[in-house]
């Protein structure tokens, strides 16, 4: 098989590229999830502080919103067969 400028044949290059892009998409998804959760968490923590909620109640709301967003994103992503981030 002819080799290209990278020294790999076309199928080897495609395999290598798909591995790199797969790793990049995972890190991009994690970054998007962290950014989308950060805004919600700041709002929850500020509202909890103003409402005088305790640490346990605040932790519950943080957990509930995180879990709900995760469940909705997983459901939408599986039905659309694309990565969807829910804020």
C-alpha atoms as a PDB file:
ATOM      1  CA  UNK A   1       0.000   0.000   0.000  1.00  0.00           C
ATOM      2  CA  UNK A   2       1.285   3.500  -0.746  1.00  0.00           C
ATOM      3  CA  UNK A   3       2.241   5.586   2.244  1.00  0.00           C
ATOM      4  CA  UNK A   4       1.512   9.263   2.694  1.00  0.00           C
ATOM      5  CA  UNK A   5       3.755  11.997   4.108  1.00  0.00           C
ATOM      6  CA  UNK A   6       3.222  10.745   7.698  1.00  0.00           C
ATOM      7  CA  UNK A   7       4.644   7.333   6.824  1.00  0.00           C
ATOM      8  CA  UNK A   8       1.290   5.618   7.469  1.00  0.00           C
ATOM      9  CA  UNK A   9      -0.974   4.084   4.880  1.00  0.00           C
ATOM     10  CA  UNK A  10      -4.477   5.519   4.586  1.00  0.00           C
ATOM     11  CA  UNK A  11      -6.247   2.932   6.745  1.00  0.00           C
ATOM     12  CA  UNK A  12      -3.636   3.217   9.509  1.00  0.00           C
ATOM     13  CA  UNK A  13      -3.907   7.001   9.414  1.00  0.00           C
ATOM     14  CA  UNK A  14      -7.717   6.853   9.637  1.00  0.00           C
ATOM     15  CA  UNK A  15      -7.487   4.472  12.588  1.00  0.00           C
ATOM     16  CA  UNK A  16      -4.997   6.735  14.362  1.00  0.00           C
ATOM     17  CA  UNK A  17      -7.097   9.840  13.645  1.00  0.00           C
ATOM     18  CA  UNK A  18     -10.296   8.237  14.931  1.00  0.00           C
ATOM     19  CA  UNK A  19      -8.505   7.342  18.163  1.00  0.00           C
ATOM     20  CA  UNK A  20      -7.284  10.913  18.607  1.00  0.00           C
ATOM     21  CA  UNK A  21     -10.667  12.431  17.813  1.00  0.00           C
ATOM     22  CA  UNK A  22     -12.372  10.001  20.191  1.00  0.00           C
ATOM     23  CA  UNK A  23     -10.117  11.164  23.005  1.00  0.00           C
ATOM     24  CA  UNK A  24     -10.708  14.803  22.113  1.00  0.00           C
ATOM     25  CA  UNK A  25     -14.474  14.381  22.051  1.00  0.00           C
ATOM     26  CA  UNK A  26     -14.429  12.848  25.518  1.00  0.00           C
ATOM     27  CA  UNK A  27     -12.436  15.749  26.939  1.00  0.00           C
ATOM     28  CA  UNK A  28     -14.635  18.236  25.068  1.00  0.00           C
ATOM     29  CA  UNK A  29     -17.728  16.591  26.548  1.00  0.00           C
ATOM     30  CA  UNK A  30     -16.275  16.708  30.054  1.00  0.00           C
ATOM     31  CA  UNK A  31     -15.361  20.373  29.609  1.00  0.00           C
ATOM     32  CA  UNK A  32     -18.846  21.222  28.343  1.00  0.00           C
ATOM     33  CA  UNK A  33     -20.458  19.388  31.247  1.00  0.00           C
ATOM     34  CA  UNK A  34     -18.249  21.167  33.792  1.00  0.00           C
ATOM     35  CA  UNK A  35     -19.012  24.586  32.318  1.00  0.00           C
ATOM     36  CA  UNK A  36     -22.749  23.943  32.103  1.00  0.00           C
ATOM     37  CA  UNK A  37     -22.892  22.699  35.696  1.00  0.00           C
ATOM     38  CA  UNK A  38     -20.840  25.574  37.102  1.00  0.00           C
ATOM     39  CA  UNK A  39     -23.480  28.218  36.398  1.00  0.00           C
ATOM     40  CA  UNK A  40     -26.269  26.177  37.940  1.00  0.00           C
ATOM     41  CA  UNK A  41     -24.180  25.386  40.992  1.00  0.00           C
ATOM     42  CA  UNK A  42     -23.339  29.051  41.577  1.00  0.00           C
ATOM     43  CA  UNK A  43     -27.022  29.983  41.438  1.00  0.00           C
ATOM     44  CA  UNK A  44     -27.992  27.152  43.798  1.00  0.00           C
ATOM     45  CA  UNK A  45     -25.268  28.015  46.306  1.00  0.00           C
ATOM     46  CA  UNK A  46     -26.139  31.740  46.290  1.00  0.00           C
ATOM     47  CA  UNK A  47     -29.865  31.092  46.686  1.00  0.00           C
ATOM     48  CA  UNK A  48     -29.223  28.553  49.453  1.00  0.00           C
ATOM     49  CA  UNK A  49     -27.029  31.046  51.311  1.00  0.00           C
ATOM     50  CA  UNK A  50     -29.659  33.798  51.058  1.00  0.00           C
ATOM     51  CA  UNK A  51     -32.417  31.392  52.125  1.00  0.00           C
ATOM     52  CA  UNK A  52     -30.382  30.280  55.126  1.00  0.00           C
ATOM     53  CA  UNK A  53     -30.304  26.613  54.120  1.00  0.00           C
ATOM     54  CA  UNK A  54     -27.891  24.302  55.904  1.00  0.00           C
ATOM     55  CA  UNK A  55     -25.057  22.385  54.315  1.00  0.00           C
ATOM     56  CA  UNK A  56     -27.128  19.196  54.040  1.00  0.00           C
ATOM     57  CA  UNK A  57     -30.006  20.933  52.255  1.00  0.00           C
ATOM     58  CA  UNK A  58     -27.637  22.753  49.915  1.00  0.00           C
ATOM     59  CA  UNK A  59     -25.815  19.506  49.125  1.00  0.00           C
ATOM     60  CA  UNK A  60     -29.146  17.831  48.378  1.00  0.00           C
ATOM     61  CA  UNK A  61     -30.133  20.560  45.886  1.00  0.00           C
ATOM     62  CA  UNK A  62     -26.719  20.432  44.216  1.00  0.00           C
ATOM     63  CA  UNK A  63     -26.997  16.648  43.932  1.00  0.00           C
ATOM     64  CA  UNK A  64     -30.602  16.796  42.660  1.00  0.00           C
ATOM     65  CA  UNK A  65     -29.894  19.366  39.949  1.00  0.00           C
ATOM     66  CA  UNK A  66     -26.707  17.578  38.855  1.00  0.00           C
ATOM     67  CA  UNK A  67     -28.447  14.215  38.693  1.00  0.00           C
ATOM     68  CA  UNK A  68     -31.468  15.631  36.874  1.00  0.00           C
ATOM     69  CA  UNK A  69     -29.319  17.392  34.283  1.00  0.00           C
ATOM     70  CA  UNK A  70     -27.273  14.240  33.800  1.00  0.00           C
ATOM     71  CA  UNK A  71     -30.352  12.067  33.307  1.00  0.00           C
ATOM     72  CA  UNK A  72     -31.943  14.474  30.816  1.00  0.00           C
ATOM     73  CA  UNK A  73     -28.676  14.872  28.866  1.00  0.00           C
ATOM     74  CA  UNK A  74     -28.204  11.100  28.728  1.00  0.00           C
ATOM     75  CA  UNK A  75     -31.780  10.574  27.510  1.00  0.00           C
ATOM     76  CA  UNK A  76     -31.576  13.287  24.849  1.00  0.00           C
ATOM     77  CA  UNK A  77     -28.112  12.200  23.703  1.00  0.00           C
ATOM     78  CA  UNK A  78     -29.181   8.594  23.300  1.00  0.00           C
ATOM     79  CA  UNK A  79     -32.316   9.502  21.359  1.00  0.00           C
ATOM     80  CA  UNK A  80     -30.542  12.047  19.120  1.00  0.00           C
ATOM     81  CA  UNK A  81     -27.367   9.931  18.790  1.00  0.00           C
ATOM     82  CA  UNK A  82     -25.363  13.115  19.376  1.00  0.00           C
ATOM     83  CA  UNK A  83     -23.793  14.739  22.419  1.00  0.00           C
ATOM     84  CA  UNK A  84     -26.261  17.061  24.118  1.00  0.00           C
ATOM     85  CA  UNK A  85     -25.376  19.057  27.222  1.00  0.00           C
ATOM     86  CA  UNK A  86     -28.164  20.229  29.516  1.00  0.00           C
ATOM     87  CA  UNK A  87     -27.501  23.275  31.680  1.00  0.00           C
END
